[in-house]
Amino acid sequence: MLEFHFHGPSEHWVNNSATDLEVHFVFFKLSDATSGPRGLCNANSLLVMGQRMVGGAPENTNWKPIFDAIPAANPTGANATTGTTSLPINIQTIMGIPGGNINTAPSYRYLGGLTAPISIATLGQTLGNQSNSCVANTNPNNGNPWWGNPQNQLYNGAYPEIVQWVLFKQPIKLSTAQVNQFKAVFQDGNARAVQPNTGTTINFANPN
């Protein structure tokens, strides 16, 4: 796993409905990260497991240490916290999948893109592969609308299509106060707008 982060409101809509938040657990394929210039530009170099999050329930004690560690925002919008906080995290526990088995939990699965701009070169460097620069500006077009740096991705409204998405049907229940801890930092939200489906097949796995 590379990292996990949140969006509010949810970036995935199910039955024309969004939820308060959505968490994304981002995983990378090690073989792609270390395979040279085109590595992390393969169609499924990243796996993102997503879960929508709904407020209004009693406080979720599994998520309390994480939400309590969300830094405040100062007037410039940057977080006001310095240093790092180490938190022990058990992904299986915080996801709260009934039965605890993510392999058999109902989920929507499809090949798609990131929901925020990213430099694959930077990601490659983060993973220890300095040569992984398949979206460098040496060939700005390359047949991909997301080719180039994050600014180009923002301008074109197209982000790297390198993600195998797994969105679990079962949402995570939070308290309203926990949702508000996130919204206090991102008052205007930080979710990408819903994108039209241009022919992507979405599979519903383990419907029962």
Protein backbone atom coordinates (compact mmCIF):
# COMPACT_ATOMS: atom_id res chain seq x y z
CA MET A 1 0.00 0.00 0.00
CA LEU A 2 1.27 3.46 -0.95
CA GLU A 3 -1.15 5.61 1.03
CA PHE A 4 -4.78 6.30 1.82
CA HIS A 5 -6.73 9.54 1.64
CA PHE A 6 -10.24 10.97 1.72
CA HIS A 7 -12.59 12.88 -0.56
CA GLY A 8 -15.69 14.76 0.41
CA PRO A 9 -18.31 14.28 -0.82
CA SER A 10 -17.84 10.79 -2.25
CA GLU A 11 -16.48 10.62 -5.79
CA HIS A 12 -18.43 7.47 -6.63
CA TRP A 13 -22.18 7.72 -6.91
CA VAL A 14 -24.32 4.60 -6.48
CA ASN A 15 -27.94 4.73 -7.65
CA ASN A 16 -27.54 8.47 -8.31
CA SER A 17 -26.51 9.12 -4.73
CA ALA A 18 -23.31 10.41 -3.14
CA THR A 19 -22.30 10.06 0.50
CA ASP A 20 -20.54 12.39 2.92
CA LEU A 21 -17.02 11.08 2.36
CA GLU A 22 -15.05 8.40 0.54
CA VAL A 23 -11.76 6.79 1.53
CA HIS A 24 -9.26 5.49 -1.05
CA PHE A 25 -6.62 2.90 -0.18
CA VAL A 26 -3.97 3.15 -2.92
CA PHE A 27 -1.82 0.12 -3.78
CA PHE A 28 0.87 -0.12 -6.48
CA LYS A 29 2.18 -3.08 -8.44
CA LEU A 30 5.81 -3.50 -7.43
CA SER A 31 6.76 -5.14 -10.73
CA ASP A 32 5.52 -2.07 -12.64
CA ALA A 33 7.16 0.38 -10.25
CA THR A 34 10.57 -1.14 -10.91
CA SER A 35 10.24 -2.10 -14.57
CA GLY A 36 11.65 0.99 -16.27
CA PRO A 37 10.30 4.00 -18.15
CA ARG A 38 6.78 2.80 -18.87
CA GLY A 39 6.22 0.95 -15.60
CA LEU A 40 3.49 2.79 -13.76
CA CYS A 41 1.67 3.82 -16.92
CA ASN A 42 0.32 0.33 -17.48
CA ALA A 43 -3.46 0.05 -17.43
CA ASN A 44 -3.66 -1.49 -13.97
CA SER A 45 -0.46 -0.37 -12.27
CA LEU A 46 -2.46 0.92 -9.32
CA LEU A 47 -5.21 -0.75 -7.33
CA VAL A 48 -7.49 1.58 -5.42
CA MET A 49 -9.91 0.09 -2.93
CA GLY A 50 -12.59 2.63 -2.13
CA GLN A 51 -15.33 2.80 0.45
CA ARG A 52 -17.97 5.43 0.79
CA MET A 53 -18.49 6.88 4.26
CA VAL A 54 -21.80 7.95 5.78
CA GLY A 55 -22.31 10.23 8.79
CA GLY A 56 -25.11 10.09 11.33
CA ALA A 57 -24.14 6.93 13.21
CA PRO A 58 -22.56 6.64 16.66
CA GLU A 59 -18.87 7.49 16.78
CA ASN A 60 -16.77 4.93 14.89
CA THR A 61 -14.09 4.03 17.42
CA ASN A 62 -11.96 2.27 14.77
CA TRP A 63 -11.60 5.56 12.90
CA LYS A 64 -11.38 7.87 15.93
CA PRO A 65 -7.53 7.92 16.15
CA ILE A 66 -7.31 8.76 12.44
CA PHE A 67 -9.91 11.52 12.40
CA ASP A 68 -8.56 12.99 15.64
CA ALA A 69 -5.16 13.26 13.90
CA ILE A 70 -6.51 15.33 11.00
CA PRO A 71 -4.56 18.60 11.13
CA ALA A 72 -6.34 21.89 11.41
CA ALA A 73 -6.18 24.45 8.61
CA ASN A 74 -4.59 27.84 9.05
CA PRO A 75 -5.81 30.98 7.21
CA THR A 76 -3.70 30.18 4.14
CA GLY A 77 -5.25 26.76 3.78
CA ALA A 78 -2.13 24.83 4.70
CA ASN A 79 -2.23 22.48 7.64
CA ALA A 80 -1.05 23.99 10.87
CA THR A 81 0.63 20.86 12.19
CA THR A 82 4.34 20.17 11.98
CA GLY A 83 6.06 16.83 12.31
CA THR A 84 4.42 13.45 11.88
CA THR A 85 2.12 11.30 13.94
CA SER A 86 2.54 7.54 13.95
CA LEU A 87 -0.70 5.59 14.16
CA PRO A 88 -1.03 1.80 14.14
CA ILE A 89 -3.62 0.90 11.50
CA ASN A 90 -5.29 -2.39 10.68
CA ILE A 91 -6.93 -1.94 7.27
CA GLN A 92 -9.26 -4.89 7.70
CA THR A 93 -10.53 -3.48 10.98
CA ILE A 94 -11.12 0.09 9.83
CA MET A 95 -12.85 -1.04 6.63
CA GLY A 96 -15.42 -2.91 8.74
CA ILE A 97 -16.30 -5.37 5.97
CA PRO A 98 -18.98 -7.79 7.26
CA GLY A 99 -17.28 -11.11 7.89
CA GLY A 100 -13.88 -9.45 7.50
CA ASN A 101 -13.17 -10.92 4.05
CA ILE A 102 -12.57 -8.28 1.38
CA ASN A 103 -12.29 -10.97 -1.31
CA THR A 104 -15.93 -12.02 -0.95
CA ALA A 105 -17.46 -8.65 -0.03
CA PRO A 106 -19.83 -7.16 -2.65
CA SER A 107 -17.97 -4.58 -4.75
CA TYR A 108 -18.08 -2.66 -8.02
CA ARG A 109 -14.95 -3.21 -10.13
CA TYR A 110 -13.69 -1.51 -13.28
CA LEU A 111 -10.59 -0.16 -15.01
CA GLY A 112 -10.43 3.60 -14.73
CA GLY A 113 -8.37 6.62 -13.87
CA LEU A 114 -7.06 8.62 -10.97
CA THR A 115 -9.34 11.33 -9.62
CA ALA A 116 -6.61 13.92 -9.02
CA PRO A 117 -3.64 15.03 -11.12
CA ILE A 118 -0.35 13.31 -10.46
CA SER A 119 3.17 13.20 -11.84
CA ILE A 120 3.99 9.58 -12.56
CA ALA A 121 7.65 10.60 -12.54
CA THR A 122 7.23 11.84 -8.98
CA LEU A 123 5.37 8.69 -8.03
CA GLY A 124 8.15 6.60 -9.50
CA GLN A 125 10.70 8.51 -7.46
CA THR A 126 8.59 7.99 -4.35
CA LEU A 127 8.74 4.28 -4.99
CA GLY A 128 12.51 4.38 -5.51
CA ASN A 129 12.51 4.22 -9.33
CA GLN A 130 14.02 7.42 -10.68
CA SER A 131 13.59 6.34 -14.31
CA ASN A 132 9.84 5.85 -14.12
CA SER A 133 8.90 8.97 -16.06
CA CYS A 134 6.45 7.74 -18.67
CA VAL A 135 4.48 10.99 -18.56
CA ALA A 136 7.45 13.32 -18.80
CA ASN A 137 7.15 16.25 -21.18
CA THR A 138 9.55 14.81 -23.76
CA ASN A 139 6.56 13.80 -25.86
CA PRO A 140 3.62 15.95 -24.74
CA ASN A 141 0.93 14.08 -26.67
CA ASN A 142 1.82 10.41 -26.95
CA GLY A 143 -1.82 9.62 -27.71
CA ASN A 144 -2.91 10.21 -24.11
CA PRO A 145 -4.87 13.33 -23.06
CA TRP A 146 -3.31 13.03 -19.60
CA TRP A 147 0.25 13.00 -20.90
CA GLY A 148 2.53 15.47 -19.16
CA ASN A 149 2.67 17.19 -15.82
CA PRO A 150 -0.19 17.75 -13.34
CA GLN A 151 -0.92 21.18 -14.83
CA ASN A 152 -1.59 19.58 -18.23
CA GLN A 153 -3.87 17.04 -16.58
CA LEU A 154 -5.85 19.82 -14.89
CA TYR A 155 -6.07 21.77 -18.16
CA ASN A 156 -7.31 18.75 -20.13
CA GLY A 157 -9.49 17.44 -17.32
CA ALA A 158 -8.03 13.98 -17.91
CA TYR A 159 -5.97 12.01 -15.44
CA PRO A 160 -3.88 8.83 -15.91
CA GLU A 161 -6.05 5.81 -16.70
CA ILE A 162 -3.97 3.35 -14.72
CA VAL A 163 -6.27 2.23 -11.91
CA GLN A 164 -8.04 -1.03 -11.17
CA TRP A 165 -10.92 0.23 -9.05
CA VAL A 166 -12.67 -1.79 -6.36
CA LEU A 167 -15.50 0.13 -4.68
CA PHE A 168 -17.05 -1.83 -1.84
CA LYS A 169 -20.82 -1.69 -1.65
CA GLN A 170 -20.90 -1.61 2.15
CA PRO A 171 -20.28 1.97 3.37
CA ILE A 172 -18.38 2.85 6.51
CA LYS A 173 -20.56 4.46 9.17
CA LEU A 174 -19.24 7.52 11.00
CA SER A 175 -20.67 10.04 13.38
CA THR A 176 -21.67 13.48 12.14
CA ALA A 177 -18.90 14.93 14.30
CA GLN A 178 -16.29 12.74 12.56
CA VAL A 179 -17.50 13.85 9.13
CA ASN A 180 -17.31 17.44 10.30
CA GLN A 181 -13.69 16.96 11.40
CA PHE A 182 -12.82 16.42 7.75
CA LYS A 183 -15.15 19.11 6.42
CA ALA A 184 -13.57 21.66 8.76
CA VAL A 185 -10.34 21.34 6.77
CA PHE A 186 -11.89 21.02 3.29
CA GLN A 187 -14.85 23.36 3.62
CA ASP A 188 -15.44 23.52 -0.13
CA GLY A 189 -14.91 19.79 -0.62
CA ASN A 190 -12.11 18.06 -2.50
CA ALA A 191 -13.92 15.63 -4.78
CA ARG A 192 -13.66 15.42 -8.54
CA ALA A 193 -16.96 15.88 -10.34
CA VAL A 194 -18.76 12.74 -11.50
CA GLN A 195 -17.41 11.67 -14.88
CA PRO A 196 -19.51 10.23 -17.75
CA ASN A 197 -19.12 6.55 -18.50
CA THR A 198 -17.71 6.33 -22.02
CA GLY A 199 -18.08 2.59 -22.43
CA THR A 200 -16.26 1.24 -19.41
CA THR A 201 -17.62 -2.07 -18.16
CA ILE A 202 -18.44 -2.02 -14.46
CA ASN A 203 -18.64 -5.45 -12.85
CA PHE A 204 -20.62 -6.10 -9.68
CA ALA A 205 -18.65 -8.78 -7.86
CA ASN A 206 -20.10 -11.05 -5.17
CA PRO A 207 -23.60 -9.52 -5.27
CA ASN A 208 -24.89 -11.92 -2.60
